[in-house]
Amino acid sequence: MERLQSVVLQDVTVAYRQEEGIRIVLRDINLSLPEGQMTALIGGNGSGKSTLLKVIAGILPPSRGKVQRLSQPQGLVPVVFQNPDAQIVGQTVWEDVCFGLENTAVPPEEIKERADRALTAVGMTGFADVPVSRLSGGQKQLLCIASVIAMQPSLLIFDEPTAMLDPAAKEQVLQVMNRLRQEGRTILWATQGIDEIGLADQVVVLDDGEIVFMGTPEDFFYGTADGSREGIPCCTLGFRLPYSIEVIHELKRSGRLQELRPVTAEQCMEAVSGLWRSK
């Protein structure tokens, strides 16, 4: 049975007129985001990631092409950006998570229910009256995620939400994202962190405004190669393999773990542990 699509882009191009001529930021993008799945979008600075997110969210119209937001045809899709301070508007946690609801005429009793549920989803139950100024960077980002969840969008868009966080705060945000993914939410997760894409169902790589890879994390990290780097998309596209997956490749080159293709650090650890247990 074919999976329903949340968003479909057909031949989308975004171009800006500058003094020196036309600058093409996105070129002929064809992309589908399946409902209930997570798509990881990766690429370096200037690759077009943020522009693509704005097009999908409805913030920026394409210069050419068609965007179909099938699961949320009306209104903008909220985005969680990398700098939480640029998004927070309330003085307290409760004020901020309720702000969007109050400005879209949601009934008061429903506002309370949605806000409570959103704060619970990100592990911030009991933070309602805490001033935003007392939150850590990671907690502020979780608050931004809660504020988006409260709006009940059909699609959750994240634009490098862990880029400004320390390792502990980054792990908090990734855990919340993983819970949302397990709940069957449709997620578009833009990142430069290669170690963050293992949880995705689909990986899309942008380079200079064009899609240069689309496939599963397994294909991205392992390809169809016999272990040589020439056949591994992650390497051929200029990215560095996460250390845990590098270890798996070393084991494969020595003739072990031939049938396994783990894509997260936890899966790699389990694969290596299983190898030692079988001795």
C-alpha atoms as a PDB file:
ATOM      1  CA  MET A   1       0.000   0.000   0.000  1.00  0.00           C
ATOM      2  CA  GLU A   2       1.444   3.352  -1.076  1.00  0.00           C
ATOM      3  CA  ARG A   3       2.069   5.795   1.765  1.00  0.00           C
ATOM      4  CA  LEU A   4       0.231   9.143   1.683  1.00  0.00           C
ATOM      5  CA  GLN A   5       2.322  12.244   1.084  1.00  0.00           C
ATOM      6  CA  SER A   6       2.311  15.266   3.391  1.00  0.00           C
ATOM      7  CA  VAL A   7       4.065  17.617   0.974  1.00  0.00           C
ATOM      8  CA  VAL A   8       4.929  17.270  -2.713  1.00  0.00           C
ATOM      9  CA  LEU A   9       7.275  19.626  -4.585  1.00  0.00           C
ATOM     10  CA  GLN A  10       7.386  19.541  -8.381  1.00  0.00           C
ATOM     11  CA  ASP A  11      10.134  21.314 -10.351  1.00  0.00           C
ATOM     12  CA  VAL A  12      10.516  24.002  -7.681  1.00  0.00           C
ATOM     13  CA  THR A  13      13.005  26.761  -8.440  1.00  0.00           C
ATOM     14  CA  VAL A  14      13.792  29.836  -6.344  1.00  0.00           C
ATOM     15  CA  ALA A  15      15.759  32.679  -7.927  1.00  0.00           C
ATOM     16  CA  TYR A  16      16.660  36.218  -6.847  1.00  0.00           C
ATOM     17  CA  ARG A  17      17.477  39.164  -9.076  1.00  0.00           C
ATOM     18  CA  GLN A  18      20.750  40.816  -8.081  1.00  0.00           C
ATOM     19  CA  GLU A  19      22.848  43.607  -9.573  1.00  0.00           C
ATOM     20  CA  GLU A  20      25.166  41.084 -11.184  1.00  0.00           C
ATOM     21  CA  GLY A  21      22.277  39.004 -12.538  1.00  0.00           C
ATOM     22  CA  ILE A  22      19.945  36.191 -11.499  1.00  0.00           C
ATOM     23  CA  ARG A  23      21.005  34.025  -8.573  1.00  0.00           C
ATOM     24  CA  ILE A  24      19.381  30.590  -8.458  1.00  0.00           C
ATOM     25  CA  VAL A  25      19.087  29.333  -4.868  1.00  0.00           C
ATOM     26  CA  LEU A  26      17.014  26.201  -5.578  1.00  0.00           C
ATOM     27  CA  ARG A  27      16.919  24.489  -8.957  1.00  0.00           C
ATOM     28  CA  ASP A  28      14.242  22.035 -10.176  1.00  0.00           C
ATOM     29  CA  ILE A  29      13.525  20.441  -6.791  1.00  0.00           C
ATOM     30  CA  ASN A  30      11.308  17.348  -6.893  1.00  0.00           C
ATOM     31  CA  LEU A  31      10.625  16.022  -3.414  1.00  0.00           C
ATOM     32  CA  SER A  32       7.906  14.212  -1.467  1.00  0.00           C
ATOM     33  CA  LEU A  33       7.592  14.064   2.324  1.00  0.00           C
ATOM     34  CA  PRO A  34       5.683  10.894   3.305  1.00  0.00           C
ATOM     35  CA  GLU A  35       3.113  11.247   6.075  1.00  0.00           C
ATOM     36  CA  GLY A  36       4.201   9.840   9.422  1.00  0.00           C
ATOM     37  CA  GLN A  37       7.872   9.692   8.467  1.00  0.00           C
ATOM     38  CA  MET A  38      10.984  11.718   9.219  1.00  0.00           C
ATOM     39  CA  THR A  39      13.025  13.267   6.434  1.00  0.00           C
ATOM     40  CA  ALA A  40      16.535  14.487   7.254  1.00  0.00           C
ATOM     41  CA  LEU A  41      17.758  17.354   5.073  1.00  0.00           C
ATOM     42  CA  ILE A  42      21.507  17.919   5.059  1.00  0.00           C
ATOM     43  CA  GLY A  43      23.917  20.187   3.246  1.00  0.00           C
ATOM     44  CA  GLY A  44      26.590  22.756   3.932  1.00  0.00           C
ATOM     45  CA  ASN A  45      26.147  26.492   4.405  1.00  0.00           C
ATOM     46  CA  GLY A  46      24.690  28.018   1.270  1.00  0.00           C
ATOM     47  CA  SER A  47      23.323  24.715  -0.012  1.00  0.00           C
ATOM     48  CA  GLY A  48      19.735  26.000   0.031  1.00  0.00           C
ATOM     49  CA  LYS A  49      18.412  24.155   3.100  1.00  0.00           C
ATOM     50  CA  SER A  50      16.817  27.155   4.809  1.00  0.00           C
ATOM     51  CA  THR A  51      15.304  28.386   1.547  1.00  0.00           C
ATOM     52  CA  LEU A  52      13.766  24.978   0.895  1.00  0.00           C
ATOM     53  CA  LEU A  53      12.287  24.904   4.402  1.00  0.00           C
ATOM     54  CA  LYS A  54      10.728  28.343   3.871  1.00  0.00           C
ATOM     55  CA  VAL A  55       9.178  27.181   0.605  1.00  0.00           C
ATOM     56  CA  ILE A  56       7.724  24.059   2.231  1.00  0.00           C
ATOM     57  CA  ALA A  57       6.442  26.081   5.210  1.00  0.00           C
ATOM     58  CA  GLY A  58       4.695  28.550   2.896  1.00  0.00           C
ATOM     59  CA  ILE A  59       6.864  31.476   4.012  1.00  0.00           C
ATOM     60  CA  LEU A  60       8.510  31.895   0.598  1.00  0.00           C
ATOM     61  CA  PRO A  61       6.727  31.309  -2.728  1.00  0.00           C
ATOM     62  CA  PRO A  62       8.779  29.559  -5.405  1.00  0.00           C
ATOM     63  CA  SER A  63       9.820  31.430  -8.528  1.00  0.00           C
ATOM     64  CA  ARG A  64       8.710  28.439 -10.562  1.00  0.00           C
ATOM     65  CA  GLY A  65       7.175  25.054  -9.861  1.00  0.00           C
ATOM     66  CA  LYS A  66       4.427  23.675  -7.655  1.00  0.00           C
ATOM     67  CA  VAL A  67       4.183  23.072  -3.898  1.00  0.00           C
ATOM     68  CA  GLN A  68       1.337  20.901  -2.605  1.00  0.00           C
ATOM     69  CA  ARG A  69       0.857  20.865   1.164  1.00  0.00           C
ATOM     70  CA  LEU A  70      -1.630  18.023   1.086  1.00  0.00           C
ATOM     71  CA  SER A  71      -1.981  17.448   4.828  1.00  0.00           C
ATOM     72  CA  GLN A  72      -2.123  21.163   5.709  1.00  0.00           C
ATOM     73  CA  PRO A  73      -3.335  23.106   2.661  1.00  0.00           C
ATOM     74  CA  GLN A  74      -4.239  26.288   4.564  1.00  0.00           C
ATOM     75  CA  GLY A  75      -1.910  28.640   6.442  1.00  0.00           C
ATOM     76  CA  LEU A  76       1.776  28.535   7.223  1.00  0.00           C
ATOM     77  CA  VAL A  77       3.606  25.546   8.686  1.00  0.00           C
ATOM     78  CA  PRO A  78       5.456  26.620  11.875  1.00  0.00           C
ATOM     79  CA  VAL A  79       9.235  26.211  11.926  1.00  0.00           C
ATOM     80  CA  VAL A  80      11.622  25.632  14.858  1.00  0.00           C
ATOM     81  CA  PHE A  81      14.784  27.605  14.046  1.00  0.00           C
ATOM     82  CA  GLN A  82      18.298  27.204  15.426  1.00  0.00           C
ATOM     83  CA  ASN A  83      18.174  30.300  17.669  1.00  0.00           C
ATOM     84  CA  PRO A  84      15.392  29.911  20.258  1.00  0.00           C
ATOM     85  CA  ASP A  85      15.777  33.503  21.481  1.00  0.00           C
ATOM     86  CA  ALA A  86      14.593  34.717  18.075  1.00  0.00           C
ATOM     87  CA  GLN A  87      11.290  32.830  18.480  1.00  0.00           C
ATOM     88  CA  ILE A  88      10.300  33.200  22.123  1.00  0.00           C
ATOM     89  CA  VAL A  89       7.791  35.996  22.793  1.00  0.00           C
ATOM     90  CA  GLY A  90       6.391  35.219  26.261  1.00  0.00           C
ATOM     91  CA  GLN A  91       7.832  36.239  29.619  1.00  0.00           C
ATOM     92  CA  THR A  92       7.079  32.820  31.105  1.00  0.00           C
ATOM     93  CA  VAL A  93       6.955  29.315  29.674  1.00  0.00           C
ATOM     94  CA  TRP A  94       3.154  29.289  29.843  1.00  0.00           C
ATOM     95  CA  GLU A  95       2.803  32.666  28.112  1.00  0.00           C
ATOM     96  CA  ASP A  96       4.995  31.541  25.256  1.00  0.00           C
ATOM     97  CA  VAL A  97       3.392  28.169  24.619  1.00  0.00           C
ATOM     98  CA  CYS A  98      -0.062  29.813  24.667  1.00  0.00           C
ATOM     99  CA  PHE A  99       0.827  32.789  22.458  1.00  0.00           C
ATOM    100  CA  GLY A 100       0.148  31.186  19.087  1.00  0.00           C
ATOM    101  CA  LEU A 101      -3.068  29.577  20.327  1.00  0.00           C
ATOM    102  CA  GLU A 102      -4.411  32.852  21.702  1.00  0.00           C
ATOM    103  CA  ASN A 103      -3.702  34.582  18.406  1.00  0.00           C
ATOM    104  CA  THR A 104      -5.560  31.990  16.350  1.00  0.00           C
ATOM    105  CA  ALA A 105      -8.802  32.223  18.348  1.00  0.00           C
ATOM    106  CA  VAL A 106      -8.516  28.839  20.042  1.00  0.00           C
ATOM    107  CA  PRO A 107     -11.090  28.578  22.889  1.00  0.00           C
ATOM    108  CA  PRO A 108      -9.568  29.139  26.381  1.00  0.00           C
ATOM    109  CA  GLU A 109     -10.376  25.646  27.655  1.00  0.00           C
ATOM    110  CA  GLU A 110      -8.724  24.118  24.593  1.00  0.00           C
ATOM    111  CA  ILE A 111      -5.685  26.390  24.999  1.00  0.00           C
ATOM    112  CA  LYS A 112      -5.029  24.967  28.468  1.00  0.00           C
ATOM    113  CA  GLU A 113      -5.447  21.396  27.261  1.00  0.00           C
ATOM    114  CA  ARG A 114      -3.146  21.862  24.263  1.00  0.00           C
ATOM    115  CA  ALA A 115      -0.493  23.772  26.223  1.00  0.00           C
ATOM    116  CA  ASP A 116      -0.417  21.150  28.986  1.00  0.00           C
ATOM    117  CA  ARG A 117      -0.110  18.360  26.440  1.00  0.00           C
ATOM    118  CA  ALA A 118       2.663  20.146  24.516  1.00  0.00           C
ATOM    119  CA  LEU A 119       4.748  20.817  27.637  1.00  0.00           C
ATOM    120  CA  THR A 120       4.342  17.191  28.679  1.00  0.00           C
ATOM    121  CA  ALA A 121       5.502  16.066  25.222  1.00  0.00           C
ATOM    122  CA  VAL A 122       8.838  17.887  25.628  1.00  0.00           C
ATOM    123  CA  GLY A 123       9.343  16.978  29.284  1.00  0.00           C
ATOM    124  CA  MET A 124       8.619  20.445  30.680  1.00  0.00           C
ATOM    125  CA  THR A 125       5.706  19.636  32.958  1.00  0.00           C
ATOM    126  CA  GLY A 126       6.010  21.879  36.010  1.00  0.00           C
ATOM    127  CA  PHE A 127       7.805  24.666  34.104  1.00  0.00           C
ATOM    128  CA  ALA A 128       4.668  26.686  33.300  1.00  0.00           C
ATOM    129  CA  ASP A 129       5.407  29.607  35.646  1.00  0.00           C
ATOM    130  CA  VAL A 130       9.178  29.643  35.134  1.00  0.00           C
ATOM    131  CA  PRO A 131      10.478  32.895  33.572  1.00  0.00           C
ATOM    132  CA  VAL A 132      12.000  32.330  30.152  1.00  0.00           C
ATOM    133  CA  SER A 133      15.109  34.211  31.306  1.00  0.00           C
ATOM    134  CA  ARG A 134      15.876  31.372  33.732  1.00  0.00           C
ATOM    135  CA  LEU A 135      15.839  28.634  31.100  1.00  0.00           C
ATOM    136  CA  SER A 136      18.971  27.058  29.661  1.00  0.00           C
ATOM    137  CA  GLY A 137      19.569  27.079  25.906  1.00  0.00           C
ATOM    138  CA  GLY A 138      18.302  23.526  25.602  1.00  0.00           C
ATOM    139  CA  GLN A 139      15.181  24.277  27.645  1.00  0.00           C
ATOM    140  CA  LYS A 140      14.457  27.306  25.459  1.00  0.00           C
ATOM    141  CA  GLN A 141      14.656  25.131  22.363  1.00  0.00           C
ATOM    142  CA  LEU A 142      12.328  22.579  23.972  1.00  0.00           C
ATOM    143  CA  LEU A 143       9.924  25.445  24.708  1.00  0.00           C
ATOM    144  CA  CYS A 144       9.994  26.447  21.037  1.00  0.00           C
ATOM    145  CA  ILE A 145       9.188  22.854  20.092  1.00  0.00           C
ATOM    146  CA  ALA A 146       6.325  22.789  22.619  1.00  0.00           C
ATOM    147  CA  SER A 147       4.919  26.030  21.195  1.00  0.00           C
ATOM    148  CA  VAL A 148       4.915  24.477  17.722  1.00  0.00           C
ATOM    149  CA  ILE A 149       3.390  21.188  18.915  1.00  0.00           C
ATOM    150  CA  ALA A 150       0.582  23.121  20.620  1.00  0.00           C
ATOM    151  CA  MET A 151      -0.466  24.512  17.230  1.00  0.00           C
ATOM    152  CA  GLN A 152      -1.082  20.912  16.072  1.00  0.00           C
ATOM    153  CA  PRO A 153       0.557  21.230  12.646  1.00  0.00           C
ATOM    154  CA  SER A 154       0.444  18.231  10.347  1.00  0.00           C
ATOM    155  CA  LEU A 155       4.148  18.736   9.617  1.00  0.00           C
ATOM    156  CA  LEU A 156       6.948  19.629  12.055  1.00  0.00           C
ATOM    157  CA  ILE A 157       9.824  21.566  10.464  1.00  0.00           C
ATOM    158  CA  PHE A 158      13.163  21.981  12.248  1.00  0.00           C
ATOM    159  CA  ASP A 159      15.914  24.239  10.867  1.00  0.00           C
ATOM    160  CA  GLU A 160      19.164  23.112  12.543  1.00  0.00           C
ATOM    161  CA  PRO A 161      17.594  23.177  16.039  1.00  0.00           C
ATOM    162  CA  THR A 162      20.675  21.713  17.754  1.00  0.00           C
ATOM    163  CA  ALA A 163      23.272  23.957  16.088  1.00  0.00           C
ATOM    164  CA  MET A 164      23.619  26.357  19.047  1.00  0.00           C
ATOM    165  CA  LEU A 165      23.318  23.780  21.833  1.00  0.00           C
ATOM    166  CA  ASP A 166      25.908  22.046  24.002  1.00  0.00           C
ATOM    167  CA  PRO A 167      26.065  18.214  23.836  1.00  0.00           C
ATOM    168  CA  ALA A 168      23.725  17.665  26.812  1.00  0.00           C
ATOM    169  CA  ALA A 169      21.077  20.064  25.497  1.00  0.00           C
ATOM    170  CA  LYS A 170      21.444  18.618  22.005  1.00  0.00           C
ATOM    171  CA  GLU A 171      20.741  15.144  23.376  1.00  0.00           C
ATOM    172  CA  GLN A 172      17.590  16.443  25.119  1.00  0.00           C
ATOM    173  CA  VAL A 173      16.246  17.880  21.873  1.00  0.00           C
ATOM    174  CA  LEU A 174      17.114  14.733  19.897  1.00  0.00           C
ATOM    175  CA  GLN A 175      15.297  12.562  22.442  1.00  0.00           C
ATOM    176  CA  VAL A 176      12.159  14.690  22.054  1.00  0.00           C
ATOM    177  CA  MET A 177      12.437  14.523  18.275  1.00  0.00           C
ATOM    178  CA  ASN A 178      12.761  10.736  18.452  1.00  0.00           C
ATOM    179  CA  ARG A 179       9.637  10.490  20.621  1.00  0.00           C
ATOM    180  CA  LEU A 180       7.719  12.623  18.117  1.00  0.00           C
ATOM    181  CA  ARG A 181       8.957  10.379  15.313  1.00  0.00           C
ATOM    182  CA  GLN A 182       7.841   7.262  17.182  1.00  0.00           C
ATOM    183  CA  GLU A 183       4.392   8.850  17.612  1.00  0.00           C
ATOM    184  CA  GLY A 184       4.086   8.917  13.836  1.00  0.00           C
ATOM    185  CA  ARG A 185       4.536  12.664  13.320  1.00  0.00           C
ATOM    186  CA  THR A 186       5.675  13.920   9.931  1.00  0.00           C
ATOM    187  CA  ILE A 187       9.053  15.590  10.514  1.00  0.00           C
ATOM    188  CA  LEU A 188      11.413  17.557   8.281  1.00  0.00           C
ATOM    189  CA  TRP A 189      14.740  17.874  10.115  1.00  0.00           C
ATOM    190  CA  ALA A 190      17.425  20.089   8.555  1.00  0.00           C
ATOM    191  CA  THR A 191      20.888  19.672  10.014  1.00  0.00           C
ATOM    192  CA  GLN A 192      24.613  19.746   9.375  1.00  0.00           C
ATOM    193  CA  GLY A 193      25.080  17.034  12.018  1.00  0.00           C
ATOM    194  CA  ILE A 194      25.660  13.769  10.188  1.00  0.00           C
ATOM    195  CA  ASP A 195      25.235  11.880  13.465  1.00  0.00           C
ATOM    196  CA  GLU A 196      21.607  13.122  13.683  1.00  0.00           C
ATOM    197  CA  ILE A 197      20.231  11.536  10.518  1.00  0.00           C
ATOM    198  CA  GLY A 198      20.267   7.865  11.515  1.00  0.00           C
ATOM    199  CA  LEU A 199      16.744   8.061  12.930  1.00  0.00           C
ATOM    200  CA  ALA A 200      15.297   9.351   9.652  1.00  0.00           C
ATOM    201  CA  ASP A 201      13.287   7.319   7.166  1.00  0.00           C
ATOM    202  CA  GLN A 202      14.545   9.406   4.258  1.00  0.00           C
ATOM    203  CA  VAL A 203      17.757  11.396   3.753  1.00  0.00           C
ATOM    204  CA  VAL A 204      17.929  14.275   1.276  1.00  0.00           C
ATOM    205  CA  VAL A 205      21.242  15.983   0.490  1.00  0.00           C
ATOM    206  CA  LEU A 206      21.313  19.471  -1.026  1.00  0.00           C
ATOM    207  CA  ASP A 207      24.340  20.973  -2.736  1.00  0.00           C
ATOM    208  CA  ASP A 208      24.308  24.353  -4.465  1.00  0.00           C
ATOM    209  CA  GLY A 209      20.511  24.336  -4.609  1.00  0.00           C
ATOM    210  CA  GLU A 210      20.121  20.869  -6.117  1.00  0.00           C
ATOM    211  CA  ILE A 211      19.235  17.474  -4.660  1.00  0.00           C
ATOM    212  CA  VAL A 212      22.318  15.282  -5.072  1.00  0.00           C
ATOM    213  CA  PHE A 213      21.139  12.311  -2.989  1.00  0.00           C
ATOM    214  CA  MET A 214      17.798  10.931  -1.846  1.00  0.00           C
ATOM    215  CA  GLY A 215      17.494   7.596  -0.087  1.00  0.00           C
ATOM    216  CA  THR A 216      17.563   5.789   3.241  1.00  0.00           C
ATOM    217  CA  PRO A 217      20.169   6.341   5.974  1.00  0.00           C
ATOM    218  CA  GLU A 218      21.418   2.816   5.241  1.00  0.00           C
ATOM    219  CA  ASP A 219      22.065   3.687   1.606  1.00  0.00           C
ATOM    220  CA  PHE A 220      23.670   7.002   2.581  1.00  0.00           C
ATOM    221  CA  PHE A 221      26.119   5.441   5.043  1.00  0.00           C
ATOM    222  CA  TYR A 222      26.760   2.132   3.250  1.00  0.00           C
ATOM    223  CA  GLY A 223      25.636   2.400  -0.369  1.00  0.00           C
ATOM    224  CA  THR A 224      25.908  -0.824  -2.306  1.00  0.00           C
ATOM    225  CA  ALA A 225      29.657  -0.916  -1.878  1.00  0.00           C
ATOM    226  CA  ASP A 226      31.944  -3.708  -0.769  1.00  0.00           C
ATOM    227  CA  GLY A 227      33.411  -1.451   1.896  1.00  0.00           C
ATOM    228  CA  SER A 228      35.381   0.945  -0.315  1.00  0.00           C
ATOM    229  CA  ARG A 229      34.688   4.622   0.262  1.00  0.00           C
ATOM    230  CA  GLU A 230      34.123   5.196  -3.460  1.00  0.00           C
ATOM    231  CA  GLY A 231      30.690   3.602  -3.195  1.00  0.00           C
ATOM    232  CA  ILE A 232      29.517   5.316  -0.003  1.00  0.00           C
ATOM    233  CA  PRO A 233      27.396   8.429  -0.720  1.00  0.00           C
ATOM    234  CA  CYS A 234      28.280  10.000   2.640  1.00  0.00           C
ATOM    235  CA  CYS A 235      31.955   9.985   1.654  1.00  0.00           C
ATOM    236  CA  THR A 236      31.642  10.749  -2.052  1.00  0.00           C
ATOM    237  CA  LEU A 237      29.522  13.816  -1.240  1.00  0.00           C
ATOM    238  CA  GLY A 238      32.209  15.181   1.067  1.00  0.00           C
ATOM    239  CA  PHE A 239      30.817  14.261   4.484  1.00  0.00           C
ATOM    240  CA  ARG A 240      32.648  12.380   7.199  1.00  0.00           C
ATOM    241  CA  LEU A 241      31.193   9.137   8.518  1.00  0.00           C
ATOM    242  CA  PRO A 242      30.164   9.215  12.194  1.00  0.00           C
ATOM    243  CA  TYR A 243      32.795   7.438  14.296  1.00  0.00           C
ATOM    244  CA  SER A 244      30.436   4.595  15.269  1.00  0.00           C
ATOM    245  CA  ILE A 245      29.680   3.825  11.620  1.00  0.00           C
ATOM    246  CA  GLU A 246      33.369   4.114  10.735  1.00  0.00           C
ATOM    247  CA  VAL A 247      33.968   1.299  13.250  1.00  0.00           C
ATOM    248  CA  ILE A 248      31.326  -0.842  11.537  1.00  0.00           C
ATOM    249  CA  HIS A 249      32.998  -0.288   8.159  1.00  0.00           C
ATOM    250  CA  GLU A 250      36.343  -1.376   9.626  1.00  0.00           C
ATOM    251  CA  LEU A 251      34.729  -4.557  10.934  1.00  0.00           C
ATOM    252  CA  LYS A 252      33.111  -5.203   7.565  1.00  0.00           C
ATOM    253  CA  ARG A 253      36.467  -4.823   5.835  1.00  0.00           C
ATOM    254  CA  SER A 254      37.806  -7.522   8.149  1.00  0.00           C
ATOM    255  CA  GLY A 255      34.980  -9.850   7.122  1.00  0.00           C
ATOM    256  CA  ARG A 256      32.633  -9.345  10.074  1.00  0.00           C
ATOM    257  CA  LEU A 257      29.077  -7.953  10.386  1.00  0.00           C
ATOM    258  CA  GLN A 258      28.547  -8.375   6.648  1.00  0.00           C
ATOM    259  CA  GLU A 259      24.761  -8.541   6.890  1.00  0.00           C
ATOM    260  CA  LEU A 260      24.246  -5.589   9.245  1.00  0.00           C
ATOM    261  CA  ARG A 261      23.920  -1.888   8.370  1.00  0.00           C
ATOM    262  CA  PRO A 262      23.359  -0.027  11.662  1.00  0.00           C
ATOM    263  CA  VAL A 263      22.798   3.726  11.304  1.00  0.00           C
ATOM    264  CA  THR A 264      22.664   5.072  14.869  1.00  0.00           C
ATOM    265  CA  ALA A 265      25.291   4.965  17.607  1.00  0.00           C
ATOM    266  CA  GLU A 266      22.997   2.712  19.658  1.00  0.00           C
ATOM    267  CA  GLN A 267      22.533   0.271  16.777  1.00  0.00           C
ATOM    268  CA  CYS A 268      26.288   0.205  16.167  1.00  0.00           C
ATOM    269  CA  MET A 269      26.945  -0.502  19.842  1.00  0.00           C
ATOM    270  CA  GLU A 270      24.432  -3.343  19.804  1.00  0.00           C
ATOM    271  CA  ALA A 271      26.008  -4.814  16.663  1.00  0.00           C
ATOM    272  CA  VAL A 272      29.503  -4.743  18.173  1.00  0.00           C
ATOM    273  CA  SER A 273      28.229  -6.134  21.492  1.00  0.00           C
ATOM    274  CA  GLY A 274      26.549  -8.978  19.631  1.00  0.00           C
ATOM    275  CA  LEU A 275      29.822  -9.733  17.894  1.00  0.00           C
ATOM    276  CA  TRP A 276      31.646 -10.158  21.208  1.00  0.00           C
ATOM    277  CA  ARG A 277      28.780 -12.166  22.726  1.00  0.00           C
ATOM    278  CA  SER A 278      28.957 -14.637  19.849  1.00  0.00           C
ATOM    279  CA  LYS A 279      32.633 -15.400  20.516  1.00  0.00           C
END
